[in-house]
Amino acid sequence: MNKKSMQVNEKEKKLIELIRNIEYGDLKIVVQDKNPIRVEEIKKSIKL
C-alpha cells in the first residue's frame, strides 16, 4: 500500500486545534480552494 505524507498548512493546524478544544457541539467549516477559510460554531438549536 502506498502512503503519502501530507503537509498541513497553518489554517489546517488552527482547525485541528479548534476541533480538539471544543467539548461538544456542531461546527460548519467553509472551504475555498481546498483550504478551510472559516469555521462557524452553532450556538443554539431548538428542538420542537
N, C-alpha and C. Protein backbone atom coordinates (compact mmCIF):
# COMPACT_ATOMS: atom_id res chain seq x y z
N MET A 1 0.83 -1.18 0.00
CA MET A 1 0.00 0.00 0.00
C MET A 1 0.88 1.25 0.00
N ASN A 2 0.52 2.22 -0.81
CA ASN A 2 1.29 3.44 -0.96
C ASN A 2 0.80 4.50 0.02
N LYS A 3 1.66 4.98 0.90
CA LYS A 3 1.29 6.04 1.83
C LYS A 3 2.04 7.30 1.46
N LYS A 4 1.29 8.39 1.31
CA LYS A 4 1.90 9.69 1.03
C LYS A 4 1.86 10.52 2.30
N SER A 5 2.92 11.26 2.56
CA SER A 5 2.89 12.18 3.69
C SER A 5 2.24 13.48 3.23
N MET A 6 1.43 14.04 4.11
CA MET A 6 0.73 15.28 3.78
C MET A 6 1.32 16.44 4.57
N GLN A 7 1.39 17.57 3.93
CA GLN A 7 1.81 18.79 4.61
C GLN A 7 0.56 19.50 5.12
N VAL A 8 0.59 19.94 6.36
CA VAL A 8 -0.54 20.64 6.96
C VAL A 8 -0.19 22.12 7.04
N ASN A 9 -1.06 22.97 6.44
CA ASN A 9 -0.77 24.41 6.47
C ASN A 9 -1.28 25.02 7.79
N GLU A 10 -1.03 26.30 7.98
CA GLU A 10 -1.33 26.97 9.24
C GLU A 10 -2.83 26.99 9.54
N LYS A 11 -3.66 27.20 8.53
CA LYS A 11 -5.11 27.22 8.75
C LYS A 11 -5.62 25.84 9.15
N GLU A 12 -5.05 24.80 8.58
CA GLU A 12 -5.43 23.44 8.94
C GLU A 12 -5.01 23.13 10.37
N LYS A 13 -3.85 23.60 10.79
CA LYS A 13 -3.40 23.42 12.17
C LYS A 13 -4.36 24.10 13.14
N LYS A 14 -4.79 25.32 12.80
CA LYS A 14 -5.74 26.04 13.65
C LYS A 14 -7.08 25.31 13.72
N LEU A 15 -7.51 24.74 12.60
CA LEU A 15 -8.77 23.99 12.56
C LEU A 15 -8.69 22.75 13.46
N ILE A 16 -7.60 22.02 13.38
CA ILE A 16 -7.42 20.83 14.21
C ILE A 16 -7.40 21.22 15.69
N GLU A 17 -6.72 22.29 16.02
CA GLU A 17 -6.66 22.76 17.40
C GLU A 17 -8.06 23.15 17.90
N LEU A 18 -8.81 23.83 17.07
CA LEU A 18 -10.18 24.23 17.43
C LEU A 18 -11.05 23.00 17.68
N ILE A 19 -10.97 22.01 16.81
CA ILE A 19 -11.77 20.79 16.96
C ILE A 19 -11.39 20.05 18.25
N ARG A 20 -10.11 19.99 18.56
CA ARG A 20 -9.67 19.29 19.76
C ARG A 20 -10.08 20.02 21.04
N ASN A 21 -10.23 21.34 20.96
CA ASN A 21 -10.56 22.13 22.15
C ASN A 21 -12.06 22.26 22.42
N ILE A 22 -12.89 21.94 21.44
CA ILE A 22 -14.33 22.05 21.65
C ILE A 22 -14.81 20.82 22.42
N GLU A 23 -15.62 21.04 23.45
CA GLU A 23 -16.09 19.93 24.27
C GLU A 23 -17.20 19.16 23.57
N TYR A 24 -18.12 19.88 22.97
CA TYR A 24 -19.20 19.27 22.21
C TYR A 24 -19.83 20.34 21.34
N GLY A 25 -20.62 19.93 20.36
CA GLY A 25 -21.32 20.90 19.53
C GLY A 25 -21.18 20.60 18.05
N ASP A 26 -21.67 21.52 17.26
CA ASP A 26 -21.64 21.40 15.81
C ASP A 26 -20.79 22.52 15.23
N LEU A 27 -20.00 22.17 14.23
CA LEU A 27 -19.20 23.15 13.52
C LEU A 27 -19.52 23.08 12.04
N LYS A 28 -19.56 24.23 11.40
CA LYS A 28 -19.68 24.32 9.95
C LYS A 28 -18.36 24.87 9.45
N ILE A 29 -17.71 24.13 8.57
CA ILE A 29 -16.40 24.53 8.04
C ILE A 29 -16.58 24.98 6.60
N VAL A 30 -16.18 26.21 6.32
CA VAL A 30 -16.26 26.78 4.98
C VAL A 30 -14.92 26.56 4.31
N VAL A 31 -14.94 25.91 3.15
CA VAL A 31 -13.72 25.57 2.41
C VAL A 31 -13.70 26.31 1.08
N GLN A 32 -12.54 26.86 0.74
CA GLN A 32 -12.37 27.55 -0.54
C GLN A 32 -11.00 27.18 -1.08
N ASP A 33 -10.94 26.77 -2.31
CA ASP A 33 -9.68 26.35 -2.95
C ASP A 33 -8.95 25.30 -2.11
N LYS A 34 -9.71 24.32 -1.63
CA LYS A 34 -9.18 23.17 -0.85
C LYS A 34 -8.65 23.55 0.52
N ASN A 35 -8.92 24.76 1.01
CA ASN A 35 -8.43 25.21 2.30
C ASN A 35 -9.58 25.68 3.19
N PRO A 36 -9.51 25.38 4.49
CA PRO A 36 -10.53 25.90 5.39
C PRO A 36 -10.39 27.42 5.50
N ILE A 37 -11.49 28.11 5.29
CA ILE A 37 -11.47 29.57 5.33
C ILE A 37 -12.09 30.09 6.61
N ARG A 38 -13.20 29.46 7.02
CA ARG A 38 -13.94 29.95 8.19
C ARG A 38 -14.62 28.78 8.88
N VAL A 39 -14.73 28.86 10.19
CA VAL A 39 -15.47 27.88 10.98
C VAL A 39 -16.58 28.60 11.70
N GLU A 40 -17.78 28.07 11.60
CA GLU A 40 -18.93 28.62 12.29
C GLU A 40 -19.37 27.63 13.35
N GLU A 41 -19.44 28.06 14.59
CA GLU A 41 -19.90 27.21 15.67
C GLU A 41 -21.37 27.52 15.92
N ILE A 42 -22.20 26.50 15.84
CA ILE A 42 -23.63 26.67 16.04
C ILE A 42 -23.88 26.81 17.53
N LYS A 43 -24.44 27.95 17.93
CA LYS A 43 -24.64 28.26 19.34
C LYS A 43 -25.97 27.75 19.89
N LYS A 44 -26.99 27.73 19.04
CA LYS A 44 -28.31 27.44 19.57
C LYS A 44 -29.08 26.57 18.59
N SER A 45 -29.66 25.52 19.11
CA SER A 45 -30.51 24.65 18.30
C SER A 45 -31.75 24.36 19.13
N ILE A 46 -32.90 24.56 18.54
CA ILE A 46 -34.14 24.39 19.27
C ILE A 46 -34.91 23.23 18.67
N LYS A 47 -35.14 22.19 19.48
CA LYS A 47 -35.90 21.03 19.02
C LYS A 47 -37.35 21.21 19.47
N LEU A 48 -38.27 21.09 18.52
CA LEU A 48 -39.69 21.28 18.84
C LEU A 48 -40.38 19.96 19.02
